[in-house]
Amino acid sequence: MEFIVAILTGVLYATGIYMILRRSLVKLILGLILLGNGANLLIFLVGRLAAGKPPIIPEDSSVFTDVYADPIPQALILTAIVISFGLQAFAIVTIKRVYKVVGTDDLDIIDRSDEV
């Protein structure tokens, strides 16, 4: 399971970096989204995968006796998801405004329009 998640993380990173290096603003945002999801999977993978294990101590015991799910990576990922949604919404609105003003999402043409 961890091997598959590690490969998926690598694929998301590679695809995200490839999309960021394109000339289109839309592809830039898609690349940032993929890169963010890859980072979330990496944090989840570093925190160890423990499927079906609770992150809290049962009432009848005072210490962990079995493998447990670490709640810290889950809390970090939840926070990262919320922040990335806000960032993505802001970027999408910004791209829409740039498209209305310039008429294209090509970064080279937008860069040339600044020189005029």
N, C-alpha and C. Protein backbone atom coordinates (compact mmCIF):
# COMPACT_ATOMS: atom_id res chain seq x y z
N MET A 1 0.82 -1.19 0.00
CA MET A 1 0.00 0.00 0.00
C MET A 1 0.86 1.26 0.00
N GLU A 2 1.90 1.27 0.84
CA GLU A 2 2.77 2.45 0.91
C GLU A 2 3.52 2.63 -0.40
N PHE A 3 3.87 1.54 -1.07
CA PHE A 3 4.58 1.62 -2.35
C PHE A 3 3.70 2.29 -3.40
N ILE A 4 2.43 1.92 -3.43
CA ILE A 4 1.51 2.51 -4.41
C ILE A 4 1.31 4.00 -4.14
N VAL A 5 1.19 4.36 -2.86
CA VAL A 5 1.01 5.77 -2.51
C VAL A 5 2.28 6.56 -2.84
N ALA A 6 3.45 5.93 -2.64
CA ALA A 6 4.70 6.62 -2.98
C ALA A 6 4.80 6.86 -4.49
N ILE A 7 4.41 5.88 -5.27
CA ILE A 7 4.42 6.06 -6.73
C ILE A 7 3.41 7.12 -7.15
N LEU A 8 2.23 7.10 -6.55
CA LEU A 8 1.22 8.11 -6.86
C LEU A 8 1.71 9.51 -6.50
N THR A 9 2.42 9.62 -5.37
CA THR A 9 2.99 10.91 -4.98
C THR A 9 3.99 11.40 -6.02
N GLY A 10 4.85 10.51 -6.48
CA GLY A 10 5.82 10.88 -7.51
C GLY A 10 5.17 11.29 -8.81
N VAL A 11 4.12 10.57 -9.19
CA VAL A 11 3.40 10.92 -10.42
C VAL A 11 2.74 12.29 -10.30
N LEU A 12 2.14 12.57 -9.13
CA LEU A 12 1.51 13.87 -8.93
C LEU A 12 2.54 14.99 -8.96
N TYR A 13 3.71 14.77 -8.33
CA TYR A 13 4.77 15.77 -8.37
C TYR A 13 5.25 16.01 -9.80
N ALA A 14 5.51 14.92 -10.53
CA ALA A 14 6.03 15.06 -11.90
C ALA A 14 5.02 15.76 -12.80
N THR A 15 3.76 15.36 -12.70
CA THR A 15 2.73 15.98 -13.52
C THR A 15 2.52 17.44 -13.14
N GLY A 16 2.54 17.72 -11.85
CA GLY A 16 2.38 19.10 -11.40
C GLY A 16 3.51 20.00 -11.88
N ILE A 17 4.74 19.53 -11.79
CA ILE A 17 5.87 20.34 -12.27
C ILE A 17 5.81 20.52 -13.78
N TYR A 18 5.43 19.47 -14.50
CA TYR A 18 5.28 19.59 -15.95
C TYR A 18 4.23 20.64 -16.30
N MET A 19 3.10 20.61 -15.60
CA MET A 19 2.03 21.57 -15.89
C MET A 19 2.44 22.99 -15.51
N ILE A 20 3.20 23.15 -14.45
CA ILE A 20 3.64 24.50 -14.04
C ILE A 20 4.56 25.10 -15.10
N LEU A 21 5.33 24.28 -15.77
CA LEU A 21 6.28 24.79 -16.76
C LEU A 21 5.64 25.12 -18.11
N ARG A 22 4.34 24.91 -18.27
CA ARG A 22 3.65 25.24 -19.52
C ARG A 22 3.39 26.76 -19.58
N ARG A 23 2.99 27.26 -20.74
CA ARG A 23 2.78 28.69 -20.93
C ARG A 23 1.39 29.17 -20.55
N SER A 24 0.47 28.28 -20.36
CA SER A 24 -0.91 28.65 -20.08
C SER A 24 -1.13 28.89 -18.58
N LEU A 25 -1.90 29.92 -18.26
CA LEU A 25 -2.21 30.20 -16.85
C LEU A 25 -3.09 29.10 -16.25
N VAL A 26 -4.01 28.58 -17.05
CA VAL A 26 -4.89 27.51 -16.55
C VAL A 26 -4.07 26.28 -16.20
N LYS A 27 -3.11 25.94 -17.05
CA LYS A 27 -2.26 24.78 -16.77
C LYS A 27 -1.37 25.04 -15.56
N LEU A 28 -1.00 26.28 -15.35
CA LEU A 28 -0.23 26.64 -14.16
C LEU A 28 -1.02 26.35 -12.89
N ILE A 29 -2.28 26.73 -12.88
CA ILE A 29 -3.12 26.47 -11.71
C ILE A 29 -3.35 24.97 -11.53
N LEU A 30 -3.60 24.26 -12.63
CA LEU A 30 -3.76 22.81 -12.52
C LEU A 30 -2.50 22.15 -11.97
N GLY A 31 -1.35 22.65 -12.39
CA GLY A 31 -0.08 22.13 -11.87
C GLY A 31 0.07 22.40 -10.39
N LEU A 32 -0.32 23.58 -9.95
CA LEU A 32 -0.25 23.89 -8.52
C LEU A 32 -1.18 22.98 -7.72
N ILE A 33 -2.35 22.70 -8.26
CA ILE A 33 -3.30 21.81 -7.57
C ILE A 33 -2.71 20.41 -7.46
N LEU A 34 -2.14 19.91 -8.55
CA LEU A 34 -1.55 18.56 -8.52
C LEU A 34 -0.36 18.50 -7.57
N LEU A 35 0.46 19.55 -7.58
CA LEU A 35 1.61 19.59 -6.69
C LEU A 35 1.17 19.64 -5.22
N GLY A 36 0.12 20.39 -4.94
CA GLY A 36 -0.41 20.44 -3.57
C GLY A 36 -0.94 19.09 -3.12
N ASN A 37 -1.65 18.40 -4.00
CA ASN A 37 -2.16 17.07 -3.65
C ASN A 37 -1.01 16.08 -3.45
N GLY A 38 0.05 16.22 -4.25
CA GLY A 38 1.22 15.37 -4.06
C GLY A 38 1.88 15.63 -2.71
N ALA A 39 1.95 16.89 -2.32
CA ALA A 39 2.53 17.22 -1.01
C ALA A 39 1.68 16.66 0.13
N ASN A 40 0.35 16.72 -0.03
CA ASN A 40 -0.53 16.15 0.99
C ASN A 40 -0.33 14.64 1.11
N LEU A 41 -0.21 13.97 -0.02
CA LEU A 41 0.03 12.52 0.03
C LEU A 41 1.38 12.20 0.65
N LEU A 42 2.38 13.05 0.39
CA LEU A 42 3.70 12.84 0.98
C LEU A 42 3.64 12.97 2.50
N ILE A 43 2.93 13.98 2.99
CA ILE A 43 2.77 14.15 4.44
C ILE A 43 2.04 12.95 5.03
N PHE A 44 0.99 12.49 4.34
CA PHE A 44 0.23 11.33 4.80
C PHE A 44 1.10 10.08 4.81
N LEU A 45 1.97 9.94 3.82
CA LEU A 45 2.84 8.77 3.73
C LEU A 45 3.91 8.79 4.82
N VAL A 46 4.45 9.97 5.11
CA VAL A 46 5.48 10.08 6.14
C VAL A 46 4.90 9.75 7.52
N GLY A 47 3.63 10.05 7.73
CA GLY A 47 2.98 9.77 9.01
C GLY A 47 2.60 8.31 9.18
N ARG A 48 2.99 7.44 8.32
CA ARG A 48 2.70 6.01 8.31
C ARG A 48 1.23 5.74 7.98
N LEU A 49 1.00 4.77 7.13
CA LEU A 49 -0.35 4.37 6.77
C LEU A 49 -0.80 3.27 7.73
N ALA A 50 -1.86 3.52 8.46
CA ALA A 50 -2.42 2.53 9.38
C ALA A 50 -3.92 2.47 9.12
N ALA A 51 -4.31 1.66 8.16
CA ALA A 51 -5.71 1.58 7.77
C ALA A 51 -6.55 0.93 8.87
N GLY A 52 -7.65 1.56 9.21
CA GLY A 52 -8.57 1.00 10.18
C GLY A 52 -8.16 1.13 11.62
N LYS A 53 -7.07 1.83 11.90
CA LYS A 53 -6.61 1.98 13.28
C LYS A 53 -7.02 3.36 13.80
N PRO A 54 -7.48 3.42 15.04
CA PRO A 54 -7.95 4.70 15.57
C PRO A 54 -6.78 5.61 15.96
N PRO A 55 -6.97 6.95 15.88
CA PRO A 55 -5.93 7.88 16.30
C PRO A 55 -6.01 8.21 17.78
N ILE A 56 -6.97 7.65 18.51
CA ILE A 56 -7.13 7.98 19.92
C ILE A 56 -7.04 6.72 20.77
N ILE A 57 -6.78 6.88 22.06
CA ILE A 57 -6.67 5.74 22.98
C ILE A 57 -8.09 5.30 23.39
N PRO A 58 -8.38 3.99 23.36
CA PRO A 58 -9.69 3.53 23.82
C PRO A 58 -9.89 3.83 25.31
N GLU A 59 -11.15 3.86 25.74
CA GLU A 59 -11.45 4.21 27.13
C GLU A 59 -10.89 3.22 28.13
N ASP A 60 -10.81 1.95 27.76
CA ASP A 60 -10.38 0.93 28.72
C ASP A 60 -8.87 0.81 28.84
N SER A 61 -8.09 1.55 28.08
CA SER A 61 -6.63 1.47 28.20
C SER A 61 -6.04 2.86 28.37
N SER A 62 -4.85 2.91 28.94
CA SER A 62 -4.23 4.21 29.18
C SER A 62 -3.04 4.47 28.25
N VAL A 63 -2.55 3.43 27.55
CA VAL A 63 -1.45 3.59 26.62
C VAL A 63 -1.78 2.87 25.32
N PHE A 64 -1.07 3.23 24.25
CA PHE A 64 -1.25 2.53 22.98
C PHE A 64 -0.58 1.16 23.07
N THR A 65 -1.31 0.12 22.75
CA THR A 65 -0.75 -1.22 22.74
C THR A 65 -0.65 -1.78 21.32
N ASP A 66 -1.27 -1.13 20.38
CA ASP A 66 -1.30 -1.60 19.00
C ASP A 66 -0.90 -0.45 18.08
N VAL A 67 -0.79 -0.74 16.81
CA VAL A 67 -0.50 0.30 15.83
C VAL A 67 -1.67 1.27 15.79
N TYR A 68 -1.38 2.57 15.77
CA TYR A 68 -2.43 3.58 15.75
C TYR A 68 -2.17 4.56 14.62
N ALA A 69 -3.21 5.23 14.21
CA ALA A 69 -3.09 6.26 13.18
C ALA A 69 -2.64 7.55 13.85
N ASP A 70 -1.57 8.13 13.34
CA ASP A 70 -1.05 9.38 13.90
C ASP A 70 -1.96 10.53 13.47
N PRO A 71 -2.55 11.28 14.40
CA PRO A 71 -3.49 12.33 14.01
C PRO A 71 -2.80 13.60 13.51
N ILE A 72 -1.51 13.78 13.77
CA ILE A 72 -0.83 15.01 13.37
C ILE A 72 -0.79 15.18 11.85
N PRO A 73 -0.36 14.17 11.07
CA PRO A 73 -0.39 14.34 9.60
C PRO A 73 -1.79 14.59 9.07
N GLN A 74 -2.78 13.93 9.66
CA GLN A 74 -4.16 14.15 9.20
C GLN A 74 -4.59 15.59 9.45
N ALA A 75 -4.22 16.15 10.60
CA ALA A 75 -4.57 17.54 10.90
C ALA A 75 -3.81 18.49 9.97
N LEU A 76 -2.55 18.20 9.69
CA LEU A 76 -1.78 19.04 8.77
C LEU A 76 -2.38 19.02 7.37
N ILE A 77 -2.78 17.84 6.92
CA ILE A 77 -3.36 17.71 5.58
C ILE A 77 -4.69 18.44 5.50
N LEU A 78 -5.51 18.32 6.53
CA LEU A 78 -6.80 19.03 6.54
C LEU A 78 -6.58 20.54 6.46
N THR A 79 -5.61 21.03 7.21
CA THR A 79 -5.30 22.46 7.16
C THR A 79 -4.79 22.85 5.77
N ALA A 80 -3.93 22.02 5.19
CA ALA A 80 -3.39 22.31 3.86
C ALA A 80 -4.49 22.30 2.80
N ILE A 81 -5.46 21.40 2.93
CA ILE A 81 -6.56 21.35 1.97
C ILE A 81 -7.38 22.63 2.03
N VAL A 82 -7.68 23.09 3.23
CA VAL A 82 -8.48 24.31 3.38
C VAL A 82 -7.72 25.51 2.81
N ILE A 83 -6.44 25.63 3.12
CA ILE A 83 -5.65 26.75 2.60
C ILE A 83 -5.53 26.67 1.08
N SER A 84 -5.35 25.47 0.54
CA SER A 84 -5.20 25.35 -0.91
C SER A 84 -6.51 25.67 -1.62
N PHE A 85 -7.66 25.35 -1.03
CA PHE A 85 -8.93 25.74 -1.64
C PHE A 85 -9.05 27.26 -1.74
N GLY A 86 -8.67 27.95 -0.69
CA GLY A 86 -8.69 29.41 -0.73
C GLY A 86 -7.76 29.97 -1.78
N LEU A 87 -6.56 29.41 -1.84
CA LEU A 87 -5.58 29.87 -2.83
C LEU A 87 -6.05 29.59 -4.25
N GLN A 88 -6.64 28.42 -4.47
CA GLN A 88 -7.13 28.06 -5.80
C GLN A 88 -8.28 28.97 -6.22
N ALA A 89 -9.17 29.27 -5.29
CA ALA A 89 -10.29 30.17 -5.63
C ALA A 89 -9.76 31.55 -6.00
N PHE A 90 -8.79 32.06 -5.25
CA PHE A 90 -8.21 33.36 -5.56
C PHE A 90 -7.52 33.33 -6.92
N ALA A 91 -6.78 32.25 -7.21
CA ALA A 91 -6.06 32.16 -8.49
C ALA A 91 -7.03 32.05 -9.66
N ILE A 92 -8.11 31.32 -9.49
CA ILE A 92 -9.09 31.18 -10.58
C ILE A 92 -9.75 32.53 -10.89
N VAL A 93 -10.10 33.27 -9.85
CA VAL A 93 -10.69 34.59 -10.06
C VAL A 93 -9.67 35.52 -10.72
N THR A 94 -8.42 35.45 -10.31
CA THR A 94 -7.38 36.28 -10.91
C THR A 94 -7.18 35.93 -12.38
N ILE A 95 -7.18 34.65 -12.70
CA ILE A 95 -7.02 34.23 -14.10
C ILE A 95 -8.20 34.70 -14.94
N LYS A 96 -9.39 34.61 -14.40
CA LYS A 96 -10.57 35.07 -15.13
C LYS A 96 -10.45 36.57 -15.43
N ARG A 97 -10.00 37.34 -14.47
CA ARG A 97 -9.84 38.78 -14.67
C ARG A 97 -8.75 39.08 -15.70
N VAL A 98 -7.64 38.36 -15.62
CA VAL A 98 -6.56 38.55 -16.60
C VAL A 98 -7.05 38.20 -18.00
N TYR A 99 -7.84 37.14 -18.11
CA TYR A 99 -8.36 36.74 -19.42
C TYR A 99 -9.30 37.80 -19.98
N LYS A 100 -10.10 38.42 -19.14
CA LYS A 100 -11.00 39.47 -19.61
C LYS A 100 -10.23 40.70 -20.07
N VAL A 101 -9.16 41.03 -19.37
CA VAL A 101 -8.40 42.24 -19.70
C VAL A 101 -7.52 42.02 -20.93
N VAL A 102 -6.77 40.92 -20.96
CA VAL A 102 -5.78 40.68 -22.02
C VAL A 102 -6.38 39.90 -23.18
N GLY A 103 -7.32 39.00 -22.90
CA GLY A 103 -7.93 38.21 -23.96
C GLY A 103 -7.23 36.90 -24.25
N THR A 104 -6.27 36.50 -23.45
CA THR A 104 -5.57 35.23 -23.61
C THR A 104 -5.05 34.76 -22.26
N ASP A 105 -4.70 33.48 -22.20
CA ASP A 105 -4.07 32.97 -20.99
C ASP A 105 -2.63 32.56 -21.24
N ASP A 106 -2.10 32.91 -22.41
CA ASP A 106 -0.70 32.59 -22.75
C ASP A 106 0.24 33.56 -22.03
N LEU A 107 1.15 33.01 -21.24
CA LEU A 107 2.03 33.85 -20.44
C LEU A 107 2.97 34.69 -21.29
N ASP A 108 3.41 34.19 -22.44
CA ASP A 108 4.30 34.97 -23.30
C ASP A 108 3.59 36.20 -23.87
N ILE A 109 2.34 36.03 -24.29
CA ILE A 109 1.58 37.16 -24.83
C ILE A 109 1.26 38.16 -23.72
N ILE A 110 0.94 37.65 -22.53
CA ILE A 110 0.67 38.56 -21.40
C ILE A 110 1.94 39.34 -21.06
N ASP A 111 3.09 38.68 -21.12
CA ASP A 111 4.35 39.36 -20.83
C ASP A 111 4.64 40.45 -21.87
N ARG A 112 4.35 40.17 -23.15
CA ARG A 112 4.56 41.17 -24.21
C ARG A 112 3.59 42.34 -24.08
N SER A 113 2.36 42.08 -23.56
CA SER A 113 1.39 43.16 -23.43
C SER A 113 1.81 44.17 -22.36
N ASP A 114 2.68 43.77 -21.42
CA ASP A 114 3.20 44.71 -20.43
C ASP A 114 4.16 45.71 -21.04
N GLU A 115 4.83 45.33 -22.13
CA GLU A 115 5.83 46.20 -22.74
C GLU A 115 5.20 47.33 -23.53
N VAL A 116 3.94 47.16 -23.96
CA VAL A 116 3.29 48.18 -24.79
C VAL A 116 2.85 49.37 -23.95
